[in-house]
Every structure is written in C-alpha cells, then in structure tokens.
C-alpha cells in the first residue's frame, strides 16, 4: 500500500523552528561562551535563532564592462 502524496514528509524539517530544546540551547550558549557548568539548567537565557532560507539561488550579475 502506498502513501498519499499529501502525507509524505519532504525530507524532514524544512522550515526553521522557533523553539529550541534544552540541550540545543545549552550547546548554543556554550559555543557563545555564555554557559557555565555550575549554572542551573532551569531558567536558561534566551538564544537567537538564525533563520536560513532553503533553495534560493543568487542571481548572477551581468558584466557591465562588456
């Protein structure tokens, strides 16, 4: 039996999530040097999420010299 086209997943999560899990937040804070092991995992500070665009290609500029 095959799946309907509308029920298939398109290769996982395509768009950016706006909420991180606790371990993802700790990883991001540690890369920014804002995390210390002595801190509590409850009440973590907010982290900025960089939204990425998928599939957009930049247009090539024509040479003005020619």
C-alpha atoms as a PDB file:
ATOM      1  CA  UNK A   1       0.000   0.000   0.000  1.00  0.00           C
ATOM      2  CA  UNK A   2       1.411   3.385  -0.928  1.00  0.00           C
ATOM      3  CA  UNK A   3       1.212   6.655   0.954  1.00  0.00           C
ATOM      4  CA  UNK A   4      -0.783   9.524  -0.427  1.00  0.00           C
ATOM      5  CA  UNK A   5       1.329  12.350  -1.837  1.00  0.00           C
ATOM      6  CA  UNK A   6      -0.009  14.849   0.711  1.00  0.00           C
ATOM      7  CA  UNK A   7       1.028  12.658   3.667  1.00  0.00           C
ATOM      8  CA  UNK A   8       4.673  12.221   2.722  1.00  0.00           C
ATOM      9  CA  UNK A   9       7.348  14.173   4.526  1.00  0.00           C
ATOM     10  CA  UNK A  10       9.649  16.191   2.350  1.00  0.00           C
ATOM     11  CA  UNK A  11      12.985  15.123   3.768  1.00  0.00           C
ATOM     12  CA  UNK A  12      12.498  16.155   7.352  1.00  0.00           C
ATOM     13  CA  UNK A  13      12.039  19.622   8.754  1.00  0.00           C
ATOM     14  CA  UNK A  14      12.201  22.240   6.037  1.00  0.00           C
ATOM     15  CA  UNK A  15      11.492  25.446   7.887  1.00  0.00           C
ATOM     16  CA  UNK A  16      13.344  26.860  10.870  1.00  0.00           C
ATOM     17  CA  UNK A  17      11.966  26.095  14.310  1.00  0.00           C
ATOM     18  CA  UNK A  18      11.417  28.997  16.648  1.00  0.00           C
ATOM     19  CA  UNK A  19      11.839  26.950  19.845  1.00  0.00           C
ATOM     20  CA  UNK A  20      14.973  25.032  20.819  1.00  0.00           C
ATOM     21  CA  UNK A  21      15.129  22.084  23.162  1.00  0.00           C
ATOM     22  CA  UNK A  22      17.041  22.477  26.405  1.00  0.00           C
ATOM     23  CA  UNK A  23      20.141  20.573  25.253  1.00  0.00           C
ATOM     24  CA  UNK A  24      20.213  22.560  21.978  1.00  0.00           C
ATOM     25  CA  UNK A  25      20.066  25.802  23.942  1.00  0.00           C
ATOM     26  CA  UNK A  26      22.925  24.709  26.195  1.00  0.00           C
ATOM     27  CA  UNK A  27      25.027  23.784  23.132  1.00  0.00           C
ATOM     28  CA  UNK A  28      24.370  27.187  21.562  1.00  0.00           C
ATOM     29  CA  UNK A  29      25.161  29.019  24.800  1.00  0.00           C
ATOM     30  CA  UNK A  30      28.393  27.062  25.246  1.00  0.00           C
ATOM     31  CA  UNK A  31      29.556  27.953  21.728  1.00  0.00           C
ATOM     32  CA  UNK A  32      28.894  31.617  22.542  1.00  0.00           C
ATOM     33  CA  UNK A  33      30.796  31.277  25.870  1.00  0.00           C
ATOM     34  CA  UNK A  34      27.665  32.243  27.824  1.00  0.00           C
ATOM     35  CA  UNK A  35      27.260  28.882  29.614  1.00  0.00           C
ATOM     36  CA  UNK A  36      28.985  27.706  32.770  1.00  0.00           C
ATOM     37  CA  UNK A  37      28.655  24.142  34.096  1.00  0.00           C
ATOM     38  CA  UNK A  38      27.825  25.445  37.573  1.00  0.00           C
ATOM     39  CA  UNK A  39      24.628  27.119  36.291  1.00  0.00           C
ATOM     40  CA  UNK A  40      21.218  25.528  36.630  1.00  0.00           C
ATOM     41  CA  UNK A  41      19.585  24.095  33.512  1.00  0.00           C
ATOM     42  CA  UNK A  42      16.324  25.719  34.568  1.00  0.00           C
ATOM     43  CA  UNK A  43      15.675  29.318  33.563  1.00  0.00           C
ATOM     44  CA  UNK A  44      18.117  29.450  30.669  1.00  0.00           C
ATOM     45  CA  UNK A  45      18.614  32.788  28.921  1.00  0.00           C
ATOM     46  CA  UNK A  46      17.076  33.353  25.515  1.00  0.00           C
ATOM     47  CA  UNK A  47      19.063  32.435  22.428  1.00  0.00           C
ATOM     48  CA  UNK A  48      18.703  33.961  18.999  1.00  0.00           C
ATOM     49  CA  UNK A  49      17.850  31.547  16.215  1.00  0.00           C
ATOM     50  CA  UNK A  50      19.281  32.236  12.788  1.00  0.00           C
ATOM     51  CA  UNK A  51      16.658  31.603  10.139  1.00  0.00           C
ATOM     52  CA  UNK A  52      18.004  30.091   6.968  1.00  0.00           C
ATOM     53  CA  UNK A  53      16.448  30.155   3.552  1.00  0.00           C
ATOM     54  CA  UNK A  54      16.413  26.896   1.654  1.00  0.00           C
ATOM     55  CA  UNK A  55      16.594  26.579  -2.086  1.00  0.00           C
ATOM     56  CA  UNK A  56      17.013  30.208  -3.093  1.00  0.00           C
ATOM     57  CA  UNK A  57      19.794  30.845  -5.546  1.00  0.00           C
ATOM     58  CA  UNK A  58      21.516  34.153  -6.100  1.00  0.00           C
ATOM     59  CA  UNK A  59      21.138  35.743  -9.480  1.00  0.00           C
ATOM     60  CA  UNK A  60      24.293  36.215 -11.490  1.00  0.00           C
ATOM     61  CA  UNK A  61      25.086  39.807 -12.347  1.00  0.00           C
ATOM     62  CA  UNK A  62      25.914  40.638 -15.917  1.00  0.00           C
ATOM     63  CA  UNK A  63      29.321  42.119 -16.505  1.00  0.00           C
ATOM     64  CA  UNK A  64      28.936  45.854 -17.114  1.00  0.00           C
ATOM     65  CA  UNK A  65      32.360  46.014 -18.705  1.00  0.00           C
ATOM     66  CA  UNK A  66      31.298  44.009 -21.763  1.00  0.00           C
END
